[in-house]
């Protein structure tokens, strides 16, 4: 009986959570080694833990600049952690087993289902194969495109390393870069092809593997796609278009390319072309909303997810009329509506609670600075007001916990 009780306690979500925690611990250990740090960098264990957590949770918030403080070995470790964190420890391990042709048990399939937020076990092995093949194919294409840009300014081998890292970070919606100086992509602010390529990689990783697979199987015919795919693509288009317009109207210093890129990046990617600290109050508010929403289920992105926002808004606007709440001529189940409200409430509680605690710990920070850091951590975005490195140890630990909750999802954590 005791053995049975122990097995029951190891539920799929707990195994996944332990997998992420184990990778963070291993990453911290590797980044703390002298071989991973540049001479004189003096990266503390806490900063190594912060970097490892940010990488595994595909966030991009950094306490120390990766390019300036870590060697090629350390940078490679960060890149691998991003890849593992984006796909998920379980997805990679069991996916390799599936690709090798070995039998995958029902319990393992349940783990994959939980890791990818798949609604059921139908064709779960086909989905995991699609995840791995799609990921590496898109990242290879992105690396080639990025190389053409970086080769103009760096040596061949340096450009190859930058291209691979940037493609992996972009597709997995992690805002890390190896350009140094903490400037992110500011040097490429006017490079339209490069920013568009980065945006495509980010959007591809953010819509979710189930959507990509559904579009591929239906040859891009949206009418034949599932309800999930239709909702994800609708919300993605609305958030991109609405975010672009609102950011441009909210801050006249941003051009249309800046506004579009931040509308993409704020949805959990975290790349920056203009310092966030320079944003107007209205533009900052728009960005906070986009970061809180995040990407879509079954993707490399964080946040409350686009489908949750859709159900939440649909319920809010239709419920007072006492009409049946439908989506594309299908009635929404009551439990789906309840779950959407709970997720939004949980997210708001996490952001509000952590912001309050950091406000107490860091009284010199403004509310805007605190919210940018906390919402960025919860949405696994990586955009920063430029204060992350100067935070006290307790504040950094709070952000580490917030990134972990944001990657797993508040529902999973509870």
Protein backbone atom coordinates (compact mmCIF):
# COMPACT_ATOMS: atom_id res chain seq x y z
CA UNK A 1 0.00 0.00 0.00
CA UNK A 2 2.83 2.39 0.81
CA UNK A 3 4.49 1.64 -2.53
CA UNK A 4 1.21 2.26 -4.34
CA UNK A 5 0.80 5.57 -2.52
CA UNK A 6 4.28 6.64 -3.52
CA UNK A 7 3.59 5.82 -7.17
CA UNK A 8 0.41 7.84 -7.08
CA UNK A 9 2.27 10.82 -5.71
CA UNK A 10 4.54 10.77 -8.78
CA UNK A 11 1.94 12.15 -11.15
CA UNK A 12 2.90 13.24 -14.69
CA UNK A 13 2.91 16.93 -13.81
CA UNK A 14 5.16 16.31 -10.81
CA UNK A 15 7.59 14.31 -12.91
CA UNK A 16 7.69 17.15 -15.46
CA UNK A 17 8.25 19.72 -12.70
CA UNK A 18 11.06 17.62 -11.24
CA UNK A 19 12.57 17.31 -14.72
CA UNK A 20 12.70 21.09 -15.13
CA UNK A 21 14.09 21.54 -11.60
CA UNK A 22 16.78 18.93 -12.26
CA UNK A 23 17.86 20.66 -15.47
CA UNK A 24 18.05 23.99 -13.63
CA UNK A 25 20.23 22.42 -10.94
CA UNK A 26 22.52 20.81 -13.53
CA UNK A 27 22.72 24.06 -15.49
CA UNK A 28 23.62 25.99 -12.35
CA UNK A 29 26.41 23.53 -11.59
CA UNK A 30 27.86 23.73 -15.11
CA UNK A 31 27.67 27.53 -15.27
CA UNK A 32 29.42 27.77 -11.90
CA UNK A 33 32.47 25.89 -13.21
CA UNK A 34 35.60 27.97 -13.95
CA UNK A 35 35.63 26.63 -17.53
CA UNK A 36 32.23 28.26 -18.10
CA UNK A 37 33.22 31.74 -16.93
CA UNK A 38 35.53 34.25 -18.57
CA UNK A 39 38.60 35.35 -16.57
CA UNK A 40 37.62 37.99 -14.06
CA UNK A 41 33.87 37.53 -14.65
CA UNK A 42 33.21 36.36 -11.07
CA UNK A 43 29.69 34.98 -11.65
CA UNK A 44 28.11 34.11 -8.29
CA UNK A 45 26.20 30.89 -7.69
CA UNK A 46 22.98 32.92 -7.43
CA UNK A 47 23.60 34.54 -10.81
CA UNK A 48 24.42 31.13 -12.30
CA UNK A 49 21.14 29.82 -10.85
CA UNK A 50 19.29 32.84 -12.24
CA UNK A 51 20.79 32.32 -15.72
CA UNK A 52 20.09 28.57 -15.70
CA UNK A 53 16.48 29.11 -14.59
CA UNK A 54 15.97 31.80 -17.21
CA UNK A 55 17.37 29.48 -19.90
CA UNK A 56 15.40 26.36 -18.93
CA UNK A 57 12.24 28.45 -18.53
CA UNK A 58 13.04 30.08 -21.92
CA UNK A 59 12.71 33.54 -20.41
CA UNK A 60 15.76 35.64 -21.26
CA UNK A 61 16.01 37.75 -18.10
CA UNK A 62 19.67 37.94 -17.11
CA UNK A 63 21.47 39.03 -13.98
CA UNK A 64 24.77 39.00 -15.93
CA UNK A 65 25.27 39.34 -19.69
CA UNK A 66 25.83 35.90 -21.22
CA UNK A 67 28.27 37.04 -23.91
CA UNK A 68 30.36 39.19 -21.55
CA UNK A 69 30.58 36.75 -18.63
CA UNK A 70 30.53 33.21 -20.05
CA UNK A 71 33.01 31.38 -22.28
CA UNK A 72 32.07 29.43 -25.39
CA UNK A 73 31.47 26.42 -23.12
CA UNK A 74 29.16 28.42 -20.87
CA UNK A 75 27.33 29.92 -23.83
CA UNK A 76 26.87 26.44 -25.29
CA UNK A 77 25.42 25.26 -21.97
CA UNK A 78 22.93 28.15 -22.04
CA UNK A 79 21.95 27.30 -25.63
CA UNK A 80 21.37 23.63 -24.77
CA UNK A 81 19.32 24.59 -21.71
CA UNK A 82 17.16 26.83 -23.91
CA UNK A 83 16.57 23.98 -26.36
CA UNK A 84 15.71 21.51 -23.61
CA UNK A 85 13.53 24.05 -21.82
CA UNK A 86 11.63 24.97 -24.98
CA UNK A 87 10.84 21.41 -26.00
CA UNK A 88 10.60 20.08 -22.47
CA UNK A 89 12.76 17.45 -20.78
CA UNK A 90 10.09 14.78 -21.19
CA UNK A 91 9.39 15.58 -24.84
CA UNK A 92 13.04 15.30 -25.82
CA UNK A 93 13.73 12.07 -23.93
CA UNK A 94 10.61 10.21 -25.01
CA UNK A 95 10.73 11.74 -28.47
CA UNK A 96 14.16 10.25 -29.10
CA UNK A 97 12.82 6.89 -27.95
CA UNK A 98 9.88 7.19 -30.36
CA UNK A 99 12.13 8.18 -33.26
CA UNK A 100 14.37 5.16 -32.59
CA UNK A 101 11.38 2.89 -33.09
CA UNK A 102 11.28 1.57 -29.54
CA UNK A 103 7.96 1.02 -27.81
CA UNK A 104 6.64 3.88 -25.68
CA UNK A 105 4.41 2.87 -22.79
CA UNK A 106 0.99 4.36 -22.04
CA UNK A 107 2.42 6.07 -18.95
CA UNK A 108 5.11 7.68 -21.11
CA UNK A 109 2.47 8.88 -23.56
CA UNK A 110 0.58 10.50 -20.69
CA UNK A 111 3.80 12.34 -19.79
CA UNK A 112 4.12 13.62 -23.36
CA UNK A 113 0.48 14.69 -23.33
CA UNK A 114 1.02 16.75 -20.18
CA UNK A 115 4.32 18.19 -21.41
CA UNK A 116 2.81 19.41 -24.70
CA UNK A 117 -0.59 20.41 -23.27
CA UNK A 118 -2.23 18.07 -25.76
CA UNK A 119 -6.00 17.64 -25.20
CA UNK A 120 -5.86 13.84 -25.60
CA UNK A 121 -3.62 10.85 -26.29
CA UNK A 122 -4.73 10.51 -29.92
CA UNK A 123 -1.73 10.31 -32.27
CA UNK A 124 0.52 11.47 -29.44
CA UNK A 125 3.57 9.70 -30.87
CA UNK A 126 3.01 11.28 -34.27
CA UNK A 127 2.81 14.65 -32.49
CA UNK A 128 6.10 14.19 -30.68
CA UNK A 129 7.83 13.24 -33.95
CA UNK A 130 6.36 16.34 -35.53
CA UNK A 131 7.61 18.45 -32.63
CA UNK A 132 11.21 17.31 -32.98
CA UNK A 133 11.34 17.37 -36.78
CA UNK A 134 9.58 20.75 -36.99
CA UNK A 135 11.78 22.32 -34.34
CA UNK A 136 15.10 21.31 -35.83
CA UNK A 137 13.97 22.06 -39.40
CA UNK A 138 12.80 25.59 -38.59
CA UNK A 139 15.86 26.28 -36.45
CA UNK A 140 18.19 25.18 -39.27
CA UNK A 141 16.43 27.49 -41.72
CA UNK A 142 16.58 30.32 -39.20
CA UNK A 143 20.28 29.70 -38.58
CA UNK A 144 21.06 29.93 -42.31
CA UNK A 145 19.14 33.20 -42.62
CA UNK A 146 20.81 34.64 -39.51
CA UNK A 147 24.27 33.61 -40.76
CA UNK A 148 23.83 35.77 -43.86
CA UNK A 149 23.38 38.76 -41.56
CA UNK A 150 26.03 38.02 -38.93
CA UNK A 151 28.67 37.05 -41.52
CA UNK A 152 28.87 40.70 -42.60
CA UNK A 153 30.19 41.72 -39.18
CA UNK A 154 31.89 38.63 -37.72
CA UNK A 155 34.29 35.86 -38.72
CA UNK A 156 32.84 32.67 -40.19
CA UNK A 157 33.00 30.54 -37.04
CA UNK A 158 31.79 33.37 -34.81
CA UNK A 159 28.91 34.03 -37.19
CA UNK A 160 27.98 30.33 -37.21
CA UNK A 161 27.85 30.28 -33.41
CA UNK A 162 25.78 33.47 -33.25
CA UNK A 163 23.40 32.16 -35.92
CA UNK A 164 22.76 28.82 -34.23
CA UNK A 165 22.26 30.44 -30.82
CA UNK A 166 19.98 33.17 -32.18
CA UNK A 167 17.83 30.71 -34.13
CA UNK A 168 17.41 28.42 -31.11
CA UNK A 169 16.65 31.36 -28.81
CA UNK A 170 14.16 32.87 -31.28
CA UNK A 171 12.17 29.72 -32.03
CA UNK A 172 12.07 28.78 -28.35
CA UNK A 173 10.92 32.31 -27.47
CA UNK A 174 13.92 33.00 -25.23
CA UNK A 175 15.32 36.52 -25.36
CA UNK A 176 18.99 35.58 -24.96
CA UNK A 177 21.66 36.93 -27.28
CA UNK A 178 25.43 36.66 -27.64
CA UNK A 179 26.06 40.15 -29.00
CA UNK A 180 27.31 41.50 -25.66
CA UNK A 181 26.93 44.85 -23.98
CA UNK A 182 23.37 44.13 -22.86
CA UNK A 183 22.00 45.84 -25.98
CA UNK A 184 20.10 42.81 -27.32
CA UNK A 185 19.27 43.47 -31.01
CA UNK A 186 19.62 47.27 -30.88
CA UNK A 187 22.42 47.16 -33.46
CA UNK A 188 19.99 45.61 -35.97
CA UNK A 189 17.08 47.97 -35.36
CA UNK A 190 16.99 49.10 -39.00
CA UNK A 191 17.72 45.67 -40.53
CA UNK A 192 14.25 44.80 -41.81
CA UNK A 193 15.02 41.30 -43.22
CA UNK A 194 16.74 40.21 -40.00
CA UNK A 195 13.96 41.48 -37.73
CA UNK A 196 11.31 39.88 -39.95
CA UNK A 197 13.19 36.57 -39.88
CA UNK A 198 13.43 36.77 -36.08
CA UNK A 199 9.71 37.59 -35.88
CA UNK A 200 8.80 34.58 -38.04
CA UNK A 201 10.88 32.28 -35.83
CA UNK A 202 9.26 33.70 -32.68
CA UNK A 203 5.72 33.44 -34.06
CA UNK A 204 6.35 29.88 -35.29
CA UNK A 205 7.48 28.80 -31.84
CA UNK A 206 4.66 30.69 -30.14
CA UNK A 207 1.63 29.32 -32.01
CA UNK A 208 2.28 25.79 -30.81
CA UNK A 209 3.24 22.47 -32.33
CA UNK A 210 -0.34 21.24 -32.58
CA UNK A 211 -1.24 24.22 -34.76
CA UNK A 212 1.76 23.72 -37.05
CA UNK A 213 0.92 20.02 -37.42
CA UNK A 214 -2.75 20.75 -38.08
CA UNK A 215 -1.92 23.32 -40.78
CA UNK A 216 0.54 20.92 -42.40
CA UNK A 217 -1.92 18.03 -42.48
CA UNK A 218 -4.66 20.23 -43.96
CA UNK A 219 -2.30 21.91 -46.45
CA UNK A 220 -2.98 25.31 -44.94
CA UNK A 221 -6.76 25.09 -45.44
CA UNK A 222 -7.98 26.87 -42.33
CA UNK A 223 -11.63 25.78 -42.69
CA UNK A 224 -10.57 22.15 -42.26
CA UNK A 225 -8.46 22.83 -39.19
CA UNK A 226 -9.49 22.17 -35.60
CA UNK A 227 -11.22 24.70 -33.37
CA UNK A 228 -8.00 25.07 -31.37
CA UNK A 229 -6.04 26.07 -34.48
CA UNK A 230 -8.66 28.59 -35.57
CA UNK A 231 -8.76 30.26 -32.15
CA UNK A 232 -4.96 30.38 -31.85
CA UNK A 233 -4.45 31.91 -35.29
CA UNK A 234 -7.29 34.42 -34.77
CA UNK A 235 -5.94 35.59 -31.41
CA UNK A 236 -2.35 35.67 -32.68
CA UNK A 237 -3.35 37.90 -35.61
CA UNK A 238 -5.45 40.20 -33.39
CA UNK A 239 -2.73 40.55 -30.76
CA UNK A 240 -0.04 41.23 -33.36
CA UNK A 241 -2.11 43.81 -35.24
CA UNK A 242 -3.62 45.41 -32.14
CA UNK A 243 -0.30 45.46 -30.30
CA UNK A 244 1.46 47.10 -33.26
CA UNK A 245 -1.11 49.87 -33.59
CA UNK A 246 -1.38 50.54 -29.84
CA UNK A 247 2.40 50.60 -29.33
CA UNK A 248 2.85 53.02 -32.22
CA UNK A 249 0.04 55.27 -31.02
CA UNK A 250 1.25 55.06 -27.41
CA UNK A 251 4.83 56.08 -28.15
CA UNK A 252 5.57 58.33 -31.12
CA UNK A 253 9.32 57.65 -30.83
CA UNK A 254 8.72 54.10 -32.09
CA UNK A 255 8.53 53.56 -35.83
CA UNK A 256 6.17 50.98 -37.32
CA UNK A 257 8.89 48.34 -37.51
CA UNK A 258 9.72 48.88 -33.82
CA UNK A 259 6.04 48.63 -32.91
CA UNK A 260 5.54 45.42 -34.88
CA UNK A 261 8.71 43.82 -33.56
CA UNK A 262 7.81 44.60 -29.95
CA UNK A 263 4.28 43.31 -30.54
CA UNK A 264 5.94 40.02 -31.51
CA UNK A 265 8.74 40.08 -28.95
CA UNK A 266 6.57 41.00 -25.97
CA UNK A 267 4.60 37.80 -26.51
CA UNK A 268 7.35 35.87 -24.60
CA UNK A 269 10.36 36.32 -26.92
CA UNK A 270 12.11 39.16 -25.10
CA UNK A 271 14.36 40.59 -27.81
CA UNK A 272 14.79 44.37 -27.70
CA UNK A 273 15.70 46.97 -30.30
CA UNK A 274 14.88 49.97 -28.10
CA UNK A 275 15.47 50.11 -24.31
CA UNK A 276 12.21 49.33 -22.53
CA UNK A 277 13.03 51.97 -19.91
CA UNK A 278 12.52 54.63 -22.61
CA UNK A 279 8.92 53.59 -23.34
CA UNK A 280 6.04 55.91 -22.52
CA UNK A 281 3.57 54.87 -19.83
CA UNK A 282 0.89 53.87 -22.34
CA UNK A 283 3.32 51.81 -24.44
CA UNK A 284 4.60 50.10 -21.29
CA UNK A 285 1.03 49.19 -20.31
CA UNK A 286 0.37 47.68 -23.75
CA UNK A 287 3.59 45.70 -23.48
CA UNK A 288 2.64 44.42 -20.01
CA UNK A 289 -0.67 43.13 -21.35
CA UNK A 290 1.03 41.36 -24.24
CA UNK A 291 3.59 39.79 -21.89
CA UNK A 292 0.87 38.61 -19.51
CA UNK A 293 -1.05 36.91 -22.34
CA UNK A 294 1.98 35.21 -23.89
CA UNK A 295 1.79 32.52 -26.58
CA UNK A 296 -0.41 29.50 -27.20
CA UNK A 297 -0.80 26.08 -25.54
CA UNK A 298 1.65 23.39 -26.58
CA UNK A 299 4.25 25.96 -27.64
CA UNK A 300 7.58 27.22 -26.35
CA UNK A 301 5.90 30.36 -24.99
CA UNK A 302 4.63 31.29 -21.54
CA UNK A 303 1.87 33.55 -20.18
CA UNK A 304 -1.78 32.68 -19.59
CA UNK A 305 -2.03 31.70 -23.29
CA UNK A 306 -4.04 33.08 -26.21
CA UNK A 307 -6.82 30.50 -25.91
CA UNK A 308 -7.38 31.42 -22.26
CA UNK A 309 -7.69 35.10 -23.19
CA UNK A 310 -10.13 34.25 -25.98
CA UNK A 311 -12.42 32.23 -23.70
CA UNK A 312 -12.14 34.85 -20.95
CA UNK A 313 -13.11 37.75 -23.22
CA UNK A 314 -15.80 35.77 -25.01
CA UNK A 315 -17.38 34.87 -21.67
CA UNK A 316 -17.16 38.41 -20.30
CA UNK A 317 -18.90 39.96 -23.31
CA UNK A 318 -21.57 37.30 -23.87
CA UNK A 319 -22.43 36.08 -20.37
CA UNK A 320 -24.40 39.19 -19.29
CA UNK A 321 -26.82 38.64 -22.20
CA UNK A 322 -27.64 35.13 -20.87
CA UNK A 323 -27.07 33.67 -24.32
CA UNK A 324 -25.22 30.45 -25.03
CA UNK A 325 -21.53 31.16 -25.34
CA UNK A 326 -20.36 29.73 -28.65
CA UNK A 327 -17.09 29.70 -30.62
CA UNK A 328 -17.29 29.07 -34.37
CA UNK A 329 -20.81 27.66 -33.91
CA UNK A 330 -19.73 25.38 -31.05
CA UNK A 331 -20.92 25.82 -27.49
CA UNK A 332 -18.25 26.38 -24.87
CA UNK A 333 -18.40 23.90 -21.98
CA UNK A 334 -18.85 25.45 -18.55
CA UNK A 335 -15.66 23.91 -17.18
CA UNK A 336 -13.62 25.52 -19.97
CA UNK A 337 -14.97 28.95 -19.04
CA UNK A 338 -14.31 28.35 -15.36
CA UNK A 339 -10.75 27.23 -16.05
CA UNK A 340 -10.07 30.36 -18.11
CA UNK A 341 -11.19 32.62 -15.25
CA UNK A 342 -9.15 30.61 -12.74
CA UNK A 343 -6.01 30.86 -14.88
CA UNK A 344 -6.39 34.62 -15.32
CA UNK A 345 -6.99 34.98 -11.58
CA UNK A 346 -3.99 32.81 -10.70
CA UNK A 347 -1.75 34.78 -13.03
CA UNK A 348 -2.92 38.07 -11.57
CA UNK A 349 -2.33 36.80 -8.02
CA UNK A 350 1.21 35.65 -8.84
CA UNK A 351 2.09 38.95 -10.53
CA UNK A 352 0.46 41.05 -7.83
CA UNK A 353 1.94 39.10 -4.92
CA UNK A 354 5.50 38.99 -6.26
CA UNK A 355 5.34 42.67 -7.27
CA UNK A 356 4.30 43.61 -3.75
CA UNK A 357 7.14 41.62 -2.18
CA UNK A 358 9.76 43.05 -4.54
CA UNK A 359 8.37 46.52 -3.90
CA UNK A 360 9.00 45.98 -0.19
CA UNK A 361 12.50 44.59 -0.81
CA UNK A 362 13.44 47.24 -3.39
CA UNK A 363 11.81 50.53 -2.26
CA UNK A 364 13.84 52.62 -4.73
CA UNK A 365 12.27 50.96 -7.78
CA UNK A 366 9.23 52.46 -9.47
CA UNK A 367 6.02 50.49 -9.94
CA UNK A 368 6.62 50.41 -13.69
CA UNK A 369 10.09 48.89 -13.27
CA UNK A 370 8.82 46.25 -10.87
CA UNK A 371 5.88 45.26 -13.07
CA UNK A 372 8.07 44.95 -16.17
CA UNK A 373 10.45 42.57 -14.38
CA UNK A 374 7.71 40.49 -12.71
CA UNK A 375 5.36 40.20 -15.69
CA UNK A 376 8.35 39.44 -17.90
CA UNK A 377 9.35 36.62 -15.54
CA UNK A 378 5.80 35.23 -15.31
CA UNK A 379 5.27 35.39 -19.06
CA UNK A 380 8.80 33.96 -19.64
CA UNK A 381 9.48 36.97 -21.85
CA UNK A 382 12.88 38.39 -20.96
CA UNK A 383 12.24 42.09 -21.57
CA UNK A 384 13.66 44.17 -18.75
CA UNK A 385 13.62 47.71 -17.46
CA UNK A 386 17.36 47.33 -16.90
CA UNK A 387 17.28 46.66 -13.16
CA UNK A 388 17.55 42.85 -13.00
CA UNK A 389 21.29 42.72 -12.29
CA UNK A 390 21.06 45.27 -9.46
CA UNK A 391 18.32 43.43 -7.54
CA UNK A 392 19.02 42.01 -4.10
CA UNK A 393 19.37 38.26 -3.58
CA UNK A 394 15.82 37.80 -2.17
CA UNK A 395 14.34 39.73 -5.11
CA UNK A 396 16.26 37.58 -7.59
CA UNK A 397 15.02 34.44 -5.85
CA UNK A 398 11.45 35.71 -6.18
CA UNK A 399 11.96 36.22 -9.92
CA UNK A 400 13.48 32.73 -10.20
CA UNK A 401 10.35 31.26 -8.59
CA UNK A 402 8.14 33.38 -10.86
CA UNK A 403 9.94 32.16 -13.99
CA UNK A 404 9.49 28.56 -12.85
CA UNK A 405 5.76 29.09 -12.23
CA UNK A 406 5.39 30.89 -15.55
CA UNK A 407 7.05 28.08 -17.52
CA UNK A 408 5.09 25.25 -15.89
CA UNK A 409 1.89 27.27 -15.64
CA UNK A 410 0.14 28.28 -12.39
CA UNK A 411 -2.49 25.56 -12.87
CA UNK A 412 0.21 22.86 -13.04
CA UNK A 413 2.04 24.26 -10.01
CA UNK A 414 -1.12 24.28 -7.88
